[in-house]
Every structure is written in C-alpha cells, then in structure tokens.
Full PDB file with SEQRES, HELIX, SHEET, SSBOND, CRYST1, ORIGX, SCALE, CONECT and MASTER records, all heavy atoms in Angstrom:
SEQRES   1 A   42  CYS ALA ALA VAL LEU GLY ASN ASN ASP CYS GLY ALA ARG          
SEQRES   2 A   42  ARG THR PRO ALA LEU ARG ALA MET TYR ALA GLU THR GLY          
SEQRES   3 A   42  VAL ILE LEU LEU GLU ASN GLU THR ARG MET LEU SER ILE          
SEQRES   4 A   42  ARG GLN SER                                                  
HELIX    1 AA1 ASN A    7  ASP A    9  5                                   3    
HELIX    2 AA2 ARG A   14  THR A   25  1                                  12    
SHEET    1 AA1 2 ALA A   2  ALA A   3  0                                        
SHEET    2 AA1 2 ILE A  28  LEU A  29  1                                        
CRYST1    1.000    1.000    1.000  90.00  90.00  90.00 P 1           1          
ORIGX1      1.000000  0.000000  0.000000        0.00000                         
ORIGX2      0.000000  1.000000  0.000000        0.00000                         
ORIGX3      0.000000  0.000000  1.000000        0.00000                         
SCALE1      1.000000  0.000000  0.000000        0.00000                         
SCALE2      0.000000  1.000000  0.000000        0.00000                         
SCALE3      0.000000  0.000000  1.000000        0.00000                         
ATOM      1  N   CYS A   1       4.050 -34.384-123.986  1.00  0.00           N  
ATOM      2  CA  CYS A   1       2.670 -34.864-124.077  1.00  0.00           C  
ATOM      3  C   CYS A   1       1.939 -34.634-122.762  1.00  0.00           C  
ATOM      4  O   CYS A   1       2.479 -34.930-121.681  1.00  0.00           O  
ATOM      5  CB  CYS A   1       2.630 -36.356-124.394  1.00  0.00           C  
ATOM      6  SG  CYS A   1       3.407 -36.830-125.946  1.00  0.00           S  
ATOM      7  N   ALA A   2       0.706 -34.136-122.853  1.00  0.00           N  
ATOM      8  CA  ALA A   2      -0.168 -34.011-121.690  1.00  0.00           C  
ATOM      9  C   ALA A   2      -1.480 -34.709-122.011  1.00  0.00           C  
ATOM     10  O   ALA A   2      -1.973 -34.638-123.147  1.00  0.00           O  
ATOM     11  CB  ALA A   2      -0.411 -32.545-121.338  1.00  0.00           C  
ATOM     12  N   ALA A   3      -2.056 -35.378-121.010  1.00  0.00           N  
ATOM     13  CA  ALA A   3      -3.257 -36.185-121.237  1.00  0.00           C  
ATOM     14  C   ALA A   3      -4.248 -36.000-120.099  1.00  0.00           C  
ATOM     15  O   ALA A   3      -3.886 -35.584-118.989  1.00  0.00           O  
ATOM     16  CB  ALA A   3      -2.891 -37.660-121.370  1.00  0.00           C  
ATOM     17  N   VAL A   4      -5.515 -36.334-120.380  1.00  0.00           N  
ATOM     18  CA  VAL A   4      -6.550 -36.435-119.356  1.00  0.00           C  
ATOM     19  C   VAL A   4      -7.252 -37.778-119.504  1.00  0.00           C  
ATOM     20  O   VAL A   4      -7.120 -38.461-120.526  1.00  0.00           O  
ATOM     21  CB  VAL A   4      -7.591 -35.297-119.459  1.00  0.00           C  
ATOM     22  CG1 VAL A   4      -6.969 -33.961-119.108  1.00  0.00           C  
ATOM     23  CG2 VAL A   4      -8.234 -35.257-120.842  1.00  0.00           C  
ATOM     24  N   LEU A   5      -8.010 -38.141-118.479  1.00  0.00           N  
ATOM     25  CA  LEU A   5      -8.814 -39.362-118.525  1.00  0.00           C  
ATOM     26  C   LEU A   5     -10.145 -39.080-119.197  1.00  0.00           C  
ATOM     27  O   LEU A   5     -10.819 -38.095-118.896  1.00  0.00           O  
ATOM     28  CB  LEU A   5      -9.075 -39.890-117.107  1.00  0.00           C  
ATOM     29  CG  LEU A   5      -7.875 -40.343-116.289  1.00  0.00           C  
ATOM     30  CD1 LEU A   5      -8.326 -40.739-114.888  1.00  0.00           C  
ATOM     31  CD2 LEU A   5      -7.137 -41.494-116.960  1.00  0.00           C  
ATOM     32  N   GLY A   6     -10.553 -39.971-120.107  1.00  0.00           N  
ATOM     33  CA  GLY A   6     -11.900 -39.964-120.647  1.00  0.00           C  
ATOM     34  C   GLY A   6     -12.752 -40.976-119.922  1.00  0.00           C  
ATOM     35  O   GLY A   6     -12.273 -41.746-119.086  1.00  0.00           O  
ATOM     36  N   ASN A   7     -14.034 -41.032-120.248  1.00  0.00           N  
ATOM     37  CA  ASN A   7     -14.923 -41.945-119.535  1.00  0.00           C  
ATOM     38  C   ASN A   7     -14.514 -43.399-119.696  1.00  0.00           C  
ATOM     39  O   ASN A   7     -14.605 -44.196-118.753  1.00  0.00           O  
ATOM     40  CB  ASN A   7     -16.378 -41.739-119.988  1.00  0.00           C  
ATOM     41  CG  ASN A   7     -16.572 -41.939-121.472  1.00  0.00           C  
ATOM     42  OD1 ASN A   7     -15.984 -41.210-122.278  1.00  0.00           O  
ATOM     43  ND2 ASN A   7     -17.405 -42.892-121.855  1.00  0.00           N  
ATOM     44  N   ASN A   8     -14.015 -43.780-120.886  1.00  0.00           N  
ATOM     45  CA  ASN A   8     -13.633 -45.174-121.093  1.00  0.00           C  
ATOM     46  C   ASN A   8     -12.269 -45.523-120.515  1.00  0.00           C  
ATOM     47  O   ASN A   8     -11.903 -46.697-120.456  1.00  0.00           O  
ATOM     48  CB  ASN A   8     -13.671 -45.512-122.586  1.00  0.00           C  
ATOM     49  CG  ASN A   8     -15.077 -45.720-123.095  1.00  0.00           C  
ATOM     50  OD1 ASN A   8     -15.707 -46.725-122.809  1.00  0.00           O  
ATOM     51  ND2 ASN A   8     -15.593 -44.740-123.831  1.00  0.00           N  
ATOM     52  N   ASP A   9     -11.516 -44.503-120.091  1.00  0.00           N  
ATOM     53  CA  ASP A   9     -10.254 -44.765-119.389  1.00  0.00           C  
ATOM     54  C   ASP A   9     -10.496 -45.149-117.937  1.00  0.00           C  
ATOM     55  O   ASP A   9      -9.566 -45.581-117.251  1.00  0.00           O  
ATOM     56  CB  ASP A   9      -9.366 -43.507-119.398  1.00  0.00           C  
ATOM     57  CG  ASP A   9      -8.891 -43.131-120.781  1.00  0.00           C  
ATOM     58  OD1 ASP A   9      -8.586 -44.044-121.572  1.00  0.00           O  
ATOM     59  OD2 ASP A   9      -8.804 -41.919-121.072  1.00  0.00           O  
ATOM     60  N   CYS A  10     -11.720 -44.979-117.451  1.00  0.00           N  
ATOM     61  CA  CYS A  10     -12.012 -45.102-116.028  1.00  0.00           C  
ATOM     62  C   CYS A  10     -12.518 -46.492-115.675  1.00  0.00           C  
ATOM     63  O   CYS A  10     -13.526 -46.959-116.211  1.00  0.00           O  
ATOM     64  CB  CYS A  10     -13.038 -44.052-115.609  1.00  0.00           C  
ATOM     65  SG  CYS A  10     -12.446 -42.358-115.821  1.00  0.00           S  
ATOM     66  N   GLY A  11     -11.817 -47.132-114.790  1.00  0.00           N  
ATOM     67  CA  GLY A  11     -12.204 -48.448-114.296  1.00  0.00           C  
ATOM     68  C   GLY A  11     -11.267 -48.831-113.173  1.00  0.00           C  
ATOM     69  O   GLY A  11     -10.105 -48.401-113.139  1.00  0.00           O  
ATOM     70  N   ALA A  12     -11.734 -49.645-112.231  1.00  0.00           N  
ATOM     71  CA  ALA A  12     -10.955 -49.973-111.038  1.00  0.00           C  
ATOM     72  C   ALA A  12      -9.605 -50.595-111.382  1.00  0.00           C  
ATOM     73  O   ALA A  12      -8.622 -50.396-110.669  1.00  0.00           O  
ATOM     74  CB  ALA A  12     -11.760 -50.915-110.139  1.00  0.00           C  
ATOM     75  N   ARG A  13      -9.553 -51.344-112.477  1.00  0.00           N  
ATOM     76  CA  ARG A  13      -8.285 -51.976-112.870  1.00  0.00           C  
ATOM     77  C   ARG A  13      -7.535 -51.175-113.917  1.00  0.00           C  
ATOM     78  O   ARG A  13      -6.323 -51.002-113.840  1.00  0.00           O  
ATOM     79  CB  ARG A  13      -8.558 -53.398-113.389  1.00  0.00           C  
ATOM     80  CG  ARG A  13      -9.068 -54.353-112.328  1.00  0.00           C  
ATOM     81  CD  ARG A  13      -9.221 -55.761-112.886  1.00  0.00           C  
ATOM     82  NE  ARG A  13      -9.684 -56.694-111.877  1.00  0.00           N  
ATOM     83  CZ  ARG A  13      -9.907 -57.994-112.098  1.00  0.00           C  
ATOM     84  NH1 ARG A  13      -9.719 -58.497-113.318  1.00  0.00           N  
ATOM     85  NH2 ARG A  13     -10.323 -58.769-111.119  1.00  0.00           N  
ATOM     86  N   ARG A  14      -8.253 -50.678-114.927  1.00  0.00           N  
ATOM     87  CA  ARG A  14      -7.516 -50.091-116.035  1.00  0.00           C  
ATOM     88  C   ARG A  14      -6.994 -48.686-115.758  1.00  0.00           C  
ATOM     89  O   ARG A  14      -5.981 -48.289-116.328  1.00  0.00           O  
ATOM     90  CB  ARG A  14      -8.326 -50.124-117.323  1.00  0.00           C  
ATOM     91  CG  ARG A  14      -9.676 -49.446-117.343  1.00  0.00           C  
ATOM     92  CD  ARG A  14     -10.314 -49.659-118.716  1.00  0.00           C  
ATOM     93  NE  ARG A  14     -11.654 -49.067-118.827  1.00  0.00           N  
ATOM     94  CZ  ARG A  14     -12.768 -49.719-118.576  1.00  0.00           C  
ATOM     95  NH1 ARG A  14     -12.715 -50.986-118.185  1.00  0.00           N  
ATOM     96  NH2 ARG A  14     -13.943 -49.120-118.724  1.00  0.00           N  
ATOM     97  N   THR A  15      -7.656 -47.920-114.882  1.00  0.00           N  
ATOM     98  CA  THR A  15      -7.147 -46.574-114.612  1.00  0.00           C  
ATOM     99  C   THR A  15      -5.781 -46.598-113.933  1.00  0.00           C  
ATOM    100  O   THR A  15      -4.865 -45.883-114.370  1.00  0.00           O  
ATOM    101  CB  THR A  15      -8.153 -45.758-113.781  1.00  0.00           C  
ATOM    102  OG1 THR A  15      -9.393 -45.698-114.497  1.00  0.00           O  
ATOM    103  CG2 THR A  15      -7.647 -44.346-113.551  1.00  0.00           C  
ATOM    104  N   PRO A  16      -5.559 -47.398-112.866  1.00  0.00           N  
ATOM    105  CA  PRO A  16      -4.205 -47.452-112.300  1.00  0.00           C  
ATOM    106  C   PRO A  16      -3.156 -47.921-113.314  1.00  0.00           C  
ATOM    107  O   PRO A  16      -2.020 -47.416-113.324  1.00  0.00           O  
ATOM    108  CB  PRO A  16      -4.343 -48.454-111.144  1.00  0.00           C  
ATOM    109  CG  PRO A  16      -5.788 -48.390-110.763  1.00  0.00           C  
ATOM    110  CD  PRO A  16      -6.523 -48.171-112.056  1.00  0.00           C  
ATOM    111  N   ALA A  17      -3.526 -48.865-114.178  1.00  0.00           N  
ATOM    112  CA  ALA A  17      -2.583 -49.336-115.193  1.00  0.00           C  
ATOM    113  C   ALA A  17      -2.262 -48.228-116.194  1.00  0.00           C  
ATOM    114  O   ALA A  17      -1.111 -48.087-116.636  1.00  0.00           O  
ATOM    115  CB  ALA A  17      -3.155 -50.555-115.916  1.00  0.00           C  
ATOM    116  N   LEU A  18      -3.270 -47.416-116.548  1.00  0.00           N  
ATOM    117  CA  LEU A  18      -3.037 -46.322-117.483  1.00  0.00           C  
ATOM    118  C   LEU A  18      -2.162 -45.250-116.847  1.00  0.00           C  
ATOM    119  O   LEU A  18      -1.245 -44.714-117.489  1.00  0.00           O  
ATOM    120  CB  LEU A  18      -4.372 -45.725-117.933  1.00  0.00           C  
ATOM    121  CG  LEU A  18      -4.314 -44.625-119.000  1.00  0.00           C  
ATOM    122  CD1 LEU A  18      -3.668 -45.142-120.283  1.00  0.00           C  
ATOM    123  CD2 LEU A  18      -5.703 -44.075-119.295  1.00  0.00           C  
ATOM    124  N   ARG A  19      -2.423 -44.922-115.592  1.00  0.00           N  
ATOM    125  CA  ARG A  19      -1.561 -43.965-114.888  1.00  0.00           C  
ATOM    126  C   ARG A  19      -0.106 -44.421-114.905  1.00  0.00           C  
ATOM    127  O   ARG A  19       0.809 -43.637-115.172  1.00  0.00           O  
ATOM    128  CB  ARG A  19      -2.035 -43.806-113.440  1.00  0.00           C  
ATOM    129  CG  ARG A  19      -3.322 -43.025-113.260  1.00  0.00           C  
ATOM    130  CD  ARG A  19      -3.711 -42.994-111.794  1.00  0.00           C  
ATOM    131  NE  ARG A  19      -4.938 -42.231-111.570  1.00  0.00           N  
ATOM    132  CZ  ARG A  19      -5.914 -42.609-110.747  1.00  0.00           C  
ATOM    133  NH1 ARG A  19      -5.816 -43.748-110.081  1.00  0.00           N  
ATOM    134  NH2 ARG A  19      -6.985 -41.849-110.600  1.00  0.00           N  
ATOM    135  N   ALA A  20       0.098 -45.695-114.603  1.00  0.00           N  
ATOM    136  CA  ALA A  20       1.458 -46.223-114.553  1.00  0.00           C  
ATOM    137  C   ALA A  20       2.116 -46.194-115.926  1.00  0.00           C  
ATOM    138  O   ALA A  20       3.304 -45.858-116.057  1.00  0.00           O  
ATOM    139  CB  ALA A  20       1.438 -47.647-114.001  1.00  0.00           C  
ATOM    140  N   MET A  21       1.359 -46.539-116.968  1.00  0.00           N  
ATOM    141  CA  MET A  21       1.924 -46.542-118.316  1.00  0.00           C  
ATOM    142  C   MET A  21       2.293 -45.138-118.766  1.00  0.00           C  
ATOM    143  O   MET A  21       3.354 -44.901-119.343  1.00  0.00           O  
ATOM    144  CB  MET A  21       0.936 -47.187-119.286  1.00  0.00           C  
ATOM    145  CG  MET A  21       1.492 -47.455-120.688  1.00  0.00           C  
ATOM    146  SD  MET A  21       1.333 -46.033-121.804  1.00  0.00           S  
ATOM    147  CE  MET A  21      -0.453 -45.963-122.009  1.00  0.00           C  
ATOM    148  N   TYR A  22       1.423 -44.171-118.496  1.00  0.00           N  
ATOM    149  CA  TYR A  22       1.740 -42.782-118.842  1.00  0.00           C  
ATOM    150  C   TYR A  22       2.998 -42.324-118.106  1.00  0.00           C  
ATOM    151  O   TYR A  22       3.884 -41.687-118.688  1.00  0.00           O  
ATOM    152  CB  TYR A  22       0.568 -41.863-118.489  1.00  0.00           C  
ATOM    153  CG  TYR A  22      -0.543 -41.807-119.513  1.00  0.00           C  
ATOM    154  CD1 TYR A  22      -1.848 -41.491-119.124  1.00  0.00           C  
ATOM    155  CD2 TYR A  22      -0.310 -42.017-120.864  1.00  0.00           C  
ATOM    156  CE1 TYR A  22      -2.881 -41.406-120.048  1.00  0.00           C  
ATOM    157  CE2 TYR A  22      -1.341 -41.942-121.792  1.00  0.00           C  
ATOM    158  CZ  TYR A  22      -2.622 -41.631-121.375  1.00  0.00           C  
ATOM    159  OH  TYR A  22      -3.636 -41.541-122.304  1.00  0.00           O  
ATOM    160  N   ALA A  23       3.087 -42.619-116.812  1.00  0.00           N  
ATOM    161  CA  ALA A  23       4.254 -42.201-116.034  1.00  0.00           C  
ATOM    162  C   ALA A  23       5.529 -42.825-116.583  1.00  0.00           C  
ATOM    163  O   ALA A  23       6.574 -42.165-116.683  1.00  0.00           O  
ATOM    164  CB  ALA A  23       4.064 -42.580-114.566  1.00  0.00           C  
ATOM    165  N   GLU A  24       5.452 -44.090-116.970  1.00  0.00           N  
ATOM    166  CA  GLU A  24       6.616 -44.794-117.512  1.00  0.00           C  
ATOM    167  C   GLU A  24       7.093 -44.179-118.817  1.00  0.00           C  
ATOM    168  O   GLU A  24       8.295 -44.146-119.105  1.00  0.00           O  
ATOM    169  CB  GLU A  24       6.255 -46.267-117.727  1.00  0.00           C  
ATOM    170  CG  GLU A  24       7.347 -47.095-118.404  1.00  0.00           C  
ATOM    171  CD  GLU A  24       6.854 -48.456-118.848  1.00  0.00           C  
ATOM    172  OE1 GLU A  24       5.773 -48.892-118.391  1.00  0.00           O  
ATOM    173  OE2 GLU A  24       7.556 -49.097-119.665  1.00  0.00           O  
ATOM    174  N   THR A  25       6.166 -43.687-119.627  1.00  0.00           N  
ATOM    175  CA  THR A  25       6.520 -43.227-120.974  1.00  0.00           C  
ATOM    176  C   THR A  25       6.673 -41.710-121.070  1.00  0.00           C  
ATOM    177  O   THR A  25       6.890 -41.183-122.166  1.00  0.00           O  
ATOM    178  CB  THR A  25       5.467 -43.699-121.990  1.00  0.00           C  
ATOM    179  OG1 THR A  25       4.168 -43.218-121.604  1.00  0.00           O  
ATOM    180  CG2 THR A  25       5.428 -45.224-122.062  1.00  0.00           C  
ATOM    181  N   GLY A  26       6.552 -41.001-119.952  1.00  0.00           N  
ATOM    182  CA  GLY A  26       6.780 -39.563-119.959  1.00  0.00           C  
ATOM    183  C   GLY A  26       5.592 -38.721-120.332  1.00  0.00           C  
ATOM    184  O   GLY A  26       5.736 -37.510-120.561  1.00  0.00           O  
ATOM    185  N   VAL A  27       4.399 -39.301-120.390  1.00  0.00           N  
ATOM    186  CA  VAL A  27       3.181 -38.542-120.665  1.00  0.00           C  
ATOM    187  C   VAL A  27       2.674 -37.948-119.353  1.00  0.00           C  
ATOM    188  O   VAL A  27       2.525 -38.669-118.356  1.00  0.00           O  
ATOM    189  CB  VAL A  27       2.096 -39.429-121.299  1.00  0.00           C  
ATOM    190  CG1 VAL A  27       0.799 -38.656-121.480  1.00  0.00           C  
ATOM    191  CG2 VAL A  27       2.573 -39.975-122.633  1.00  0.00           C  
ATOM    192  N   ILE A  28       2.415 -36.648-119.328  1.00  0.00           N  
ATOM    193  CA  ILE A  28       1.917 -35.975-118.125  1.00  0.00           C  
ATOM    194  C   ILE A  28       0.404 -36.168-118.062  1.00  0.00           C  
ATOM    195  O   ILE A  28      -0.335 -35.650-118.899  1.00  0.00           O  
ATOM    196  CB  ILE A  28       2.250 -34.480-118.155  1.00  0.00           C  
ATOM    197  CG1 ILE A  28       3.760 -34.262-118.239  1.00  0.00           C  
ATOM    198  CG2 ILE A  28       1.666 -33.767-116.940  1.00  0.00           C  
ATOM    199  CD1 ILE A  28       4.154 -32.825-118.550  1.00  0.00           C  
ATOM    200  N   LEU A  29      -0.063 -36.916-117.070  1.00  0.00           N  
ATOM    201  CA  LEU A  29      -1.498 -37.114-116.876  1.00  0.00           C  
ATOM    202  C   LEU A  29      -2.001 -36.059-115.898  1.00  0.00           C  
ATOM    203  O   LEU A  29      -1.559 -36.002-114.743  1.00  0.00           O  
ATOM    204  CB  LEU A  29      -1.791 -38.515-116.341  1.00  0.00           C  
ATOM    205  CG  LEU A  29      -3.260 -38.829-116.053  1.00  0.00           C  
ATOM    206  CD1 LEU A  29      -4.112 -38.701-117.314  1.00  0.00           C  
ATOM    207  CD2 LEU A  29      -3.402 -40.228-115.449  1.00  0.00           C  
ATOM    208  N   LEU A  30      -2.925 -35.227-116.356  1.00  0.00           N  
ATOM    209  CA  LEU A  30      -3.472 -34.146-115.547  1.00  0.00           C  
ATOM    210  C   LEU A  30      -4.834 -34.560-115.015  1.00  0.00           C  
ATOM    211  O   LEU A  30      -5.773 -34.766-115.785  1.00  0.00           O  
ATOM    212  CB  LEU A  30      -3.596 -32.876-116.391  1.00  0.00           C  
ATOM    213  CG  LEU A  30      -2.276 -32.344-116.973  1.00  0.00           C  
ATOM    214  CD1 LEU A  30      -2.530 -31.177-117.914  1.00  0.00           C  
ATOM    215  CD2 LEU A  30      -1.322 -31.938-115.861  1.00  0.00           C  
ATOM    216  N   GLU A  31      -4.935 -34.693-113.698  1.00  0.00           N  
ATOM    217  CA  GLU A  31      -6.181 -35.101-113.062  1.00  0.00           C  
ATOM    218  C   GLU A  31      -6.657 -33.955-112.169  1.00  0.00           C  
ATOM    219  O   GLU A  31      -6.309 -33.873-110.998  1.00  0.00           O  
ATOM    220  CB  GLU A  31      -5.979 -36.385-112.269  1.00  0.00           C  
ATOM    221  CG  GLU A  31      -5.574 -37.563-113.153  1.00  0.00           C  
ATOM    222  CD  GLU A  31      -5.533 -38.866-112.395  1.00  0.00           C  
ATOM    223  OE1 GLU A  31      -6.615 -39.385-112.055  1.00  0.00           O  
ATOM    224  OE2 GLU A  31      -4.415 -39.360-112.134  1.00  0.00           O  
ATOM    225  N   ASN A  32      -7.452 -33.063-112.755  1.00  0.00           N  
ATOM    226  CA  ASN A  32      -7.923 -31.868-112.065  1.00  0.00           C  
ATOM    227  C   ASN A  32      -6.745 -31.062-111.527  1.00  0.00           C  
ATOM    228  O   ASN A  32      -6.698 -30.703-110.344  1.00  0.00           O  
ATOM    229  CB  ASN A  32      -8.893 -32.217-110.937  1.00  0.00           C  
ATOM    230  CG  ASN A  32     -10.158 -32.837-111.465  1.00  0.00           C  
ATOM    231  OD1 ASN A  32     -10.470 -32.720-112.639  1.00  0.00           O  
ATOM    232  ND2 ASN A  32     -10.886 -33.517-110.602  1.00  0.00           N  
ATOM    233  N   GLU A  33      -5.807 -30.818-112.380  1.00  0.00           N  
ATOM    234  CA  GLU A  33      -4.634 -30.062-111.964  1.00  0.00           C  
ATOM    235  C   GLU A  33      -4.106 -29.227-113.120  1.00  0.00           C  
ATOM    236  O   GLU A  33      -4.470 -29.431-114.279  1.00  0.00           O  
ATOM    237  CB  GLU A  33      -3.536 -30.986-111.442  1.00  0.00           C  
ATOM    238  CG  GLU A  33      -3.057 -32.012-112.450  1.00  0.00           C  
ATOM    239  CD  GLU A  33      -2.117 -33.033-111.825  1.00  0.00           C  
ATOM    240  OE1 GLU A  33      -1.084 -32.617-111.260  1.00  0.00           O  
ATOM    241  OE2 GLU A  33      -2.409 -34.244-111.902  1.00  0.00           O  
ATOM    242  N   THR A  34      -3.263 -28.286-112.764  1.00  0.00           N  
ATOM    243  CA  THR A  34      -2.690 -27.361-113.730  1.00  0.00           C  
ATOM    244  C   THR A  34      -1.171 -27.498-113.710  1.00  0.00           C  
ATOM    245  O   THR A  34      -0.563 -27.559-112.640  1.00  0.00           O  
ATOM    246  CB  THR A  34      -3.080 -25.914-113.389  1.00  0.00           C  
ATOM    247  OG1 THR A  34      -4.498 -25.779-113.460  1.00  0.00           O  
ATOM    248  CG2 THR A  34      -2.445 -24.928-114.357  1.00  0.00           C  
ATOM    249  N   ARG A  35      -0.584 -27.564-114.888  1.00  0.00           N  
ATOM    250  CA  ARG A  35       0.872 -27.573-115.014  1.00  0.00           C  
ATOM    251  C   ARG A  35       1.296 -26.441-115.938  1.00  0.00           C  
ATOM    252  O   ARG A  35       0.607 -26.125-116.906  1.00  0.00           O  
ATOM    253  CB  ARG A  35       1.361 -28.898-115.608  1.00  0.00           C  
ATOM    254  CG  ARG A  35       1.118 -30.119-114.744  1.00  0.00           C  
ATOM    255  CD  ARG A  35       2.106 -30.232-113.606  1.00  0.00           C  
ATOM    256  NE  ARG A  35       1.887 -31.472-112.878  1.00  0.00           N  
ATOM    257  CZ  ARG A  35       2.521 -32.611-113.142  1.00  0.00           C  
ATOM    258  NH1 ARG A  35       3.400 -32.657-114.120  1.00  0.00           N  
ATOM    259  NH2 ARG A  35       2.248 -33.697-112.442  1.00  0.00           N  
ATOM    260  N   MET A  36       2.449 -25.888-115.648  1.00  0.00           N  
ATOM    261  CA  MET A  36       3.041 -24.902-116.528  1.00  0.00           C  
ATOM    262  C   MET A  36       4.042 -25.627-117.422  1.00  0.00           C  
ATOM    263  O   MET A  36       4.994 -26.239-116.938  1.00  0.00           O  
ATOM    264  CB  MET A  36       3.738 -23.802-115.730  1.00  0.00           C  
ATOM    265  CG  MET A  36       3.929 -22.520-116.503  1.00  0.00           C  
ATOM    266  SD  MET A  36       2.371 -21.627-116.700  1.00  0.00           S  
ATOM    267  CE  MET A  36       2.157 -20.949-115.056  1.00  0.00           C  
ATOM    268  N   LEU A  37       3.809 -25.589-118.729  1.00  0.00           N  
ATOM    269  CA  LEU A  37       4.716 -26.210-119.679  1.00  0.00           C  
ATOM    270  C   LEU A  37       5.519 -25.131-120.397  1.00  0.00           C  
ATOM    271  O   LEU A  37       5.023 -24.026-120.628  1.00  0.00           O  
ATOM    272  CB  LEU A  37       3.937 -27.027-120.717  1.00  0.00           C  
ATOM    273  CG  LEU A  37       3.049 -28.154-120.196  1.00  0.00           C  
ATOM    274  CD1 LEU A  37       2.434 -28.913-121.371  1.00  0.00           C  
ATOM    275  CD2 LEU A  37       3.812 -29.101-119.289  1.00  0.00           C  
ATOM    276  N   SER A  38       6.752 -25.473-120.722  1.00  0.00           N  
ATOM    277  CA  SER A  38       7.582 -24.557-121.495  1.00  0.00           C  
ATOM    278  C   SER A  38       7.491 -24.963-122.963  1.00  0.00           C  
ATOM    279  O   SER A  38       7.954 -26.039-123.347  1.00  0.00           O  
ATOM    280  CB  SER A  38       9.035 -24.606-121.024  1.00  0.00           C  
ATOM    281  OG  SER A  38       9.846 -23.740-121.800  1.00  0.00           O  
ATOM    282  N   ILE A  39       6.877 -24.117-123.771  1.00  0.00           N  
ATOM    283  CA  ILE A  39       6.708 -24.357-125.198  1.00  0.00           C  
ATOM    284  C   ILE A  39       7.460 -23.255-125.944  1.00  0.00           C  
ATOM    285  O   ILE A  39       7.165 -22.071-125.766  1.00  0.00           O  
ATOM    286  CB  ILE A  39       5.215 -24.352-125.604  1.00  0.00           C  
ATOM    287  CG1 ILE A  39       4.419 -25.343-124.745  1.00  0.00           C  
ATOM    288  CG2 ILE A  39       5.072 -24.653-127.096  1.00  0.00           C  
ATOM    289  CD1 ILE A  39       4.803 -26.785-124.900  1.00  0.00           C  
ATOM    290  N   ARG A  40       8.437 -23.652-126.713  1.00  0.00           N  
ATOM    291  CA  ARG A  40       9.282 -22.680-127.413  1.00  0.00           C  
ATOM    292  C   ARG A  40       9.869 -21.661-126.437  1.00  0.00           C  
ATOM    293  O   ARG A  40       9.906 -20.464-126.700  1.00  0.00           O  
ATOM    294  CB  ARG A  40       8.509 -21.974-128.531  1.00  0.00           C  
ATOM    295  CG  ARG A  40       8.080 -22.880-129.664  1.00  0.00           C  
ATOM    296  CD  ARG A  40       7.499 -22.072-130.807  1.00  0.00           C  
ATOM    297  NE  ARG A  40       7.273 -22.904-131.981  1.00  0.00           N  
ATOM    298  CZ  ARG A  40       6.907 -22.433-133.168  1.00  0.00           C  
ATOM    299  NH1 ARG A  40       6.729 -21.129-133.328  1.00  0.00           N  
ATOM    300  NH2 ARG A  40       6.725 -23.224-134.192  1.00  0.00           N  
ATOM    301  N   GLN A  41      10.263 -22.172-125.273  1.00  0.00           N  
ATOM    302  CA  GLN A  41      10.865 -21.343-124.222  1.00  0.00           C  
ATOM    303  C   GLN A  41       9.917 -20.245-123.730  1.00  0.00           C  
ATOM    304  O   GLN A  41      10.361 -19.181-123.279  1.00  0.00           O  
ATOM    305  CB  GLN A  41      12.183 -20.730-124.698  1.00  0.00           C  
ATOM    306  CG  GLN A  41      13.231 -21.782-125.050  1.00  0.00           C  
ATOM    307  CD  GLN A  41      14.539 -21.164-125.503  1.00  0.00           C  
ATOM    308  OE1 GLN A  41      14.564 -20.243-126.311  1.00  0.00           O  
ATOM    309  NE2 GLN A  41      15.638 -21.672-124.961  1.00  0.00           N  
ATOM    310  N   SER A  42       8.632 -20.516-123.807  1.00  0.00           N  
ATOM    311  CA  SER A  42       7.620 -19.588-123.320  1.00  0.00           C  
ATOM    312  C   SER A  42       6.588 -20.381-122.522  1.00  0.00           C  
ATOM    313  O   SER A  42       6.247 -21.510-122.886  1.00  0.00           O  
ATOM    314  CB  SER A  42       6.956 -18.879-124.509  1.00  0.00           C  
ATOM    315  OG  SER A  42       6.152 -17.815-124.073  1.00  0.00           O  
TER     316      SER A  42                                                      
MASTER        0    0    0    2    2    0    0    6  315    1    0    4          
END                                                                             
C-alpha cells in the first residue's frame, strides 16, 4: 500500500498520528517523494 495526504488529513494533531498509524501498519506514506516498488517482480 502507498498513500498520500489529502487536505482533510492535515492538522497539527492528526497528521502526526496518521503518519504513525501508517508506519505501524506497513502503509508507505509518500510526502513529496518517489519510491520504487516491485510489482510482479518488475
């Protein structure tokens, strides 16, 4: 899973909590960044 922040995800309290929850559950949060994912070994 890869995710980005939407406007309603943004807030002084809820954004850090969302980052932490994504990290805990294995969701890759992309914040102005690029990742190379392996999909079907490609």
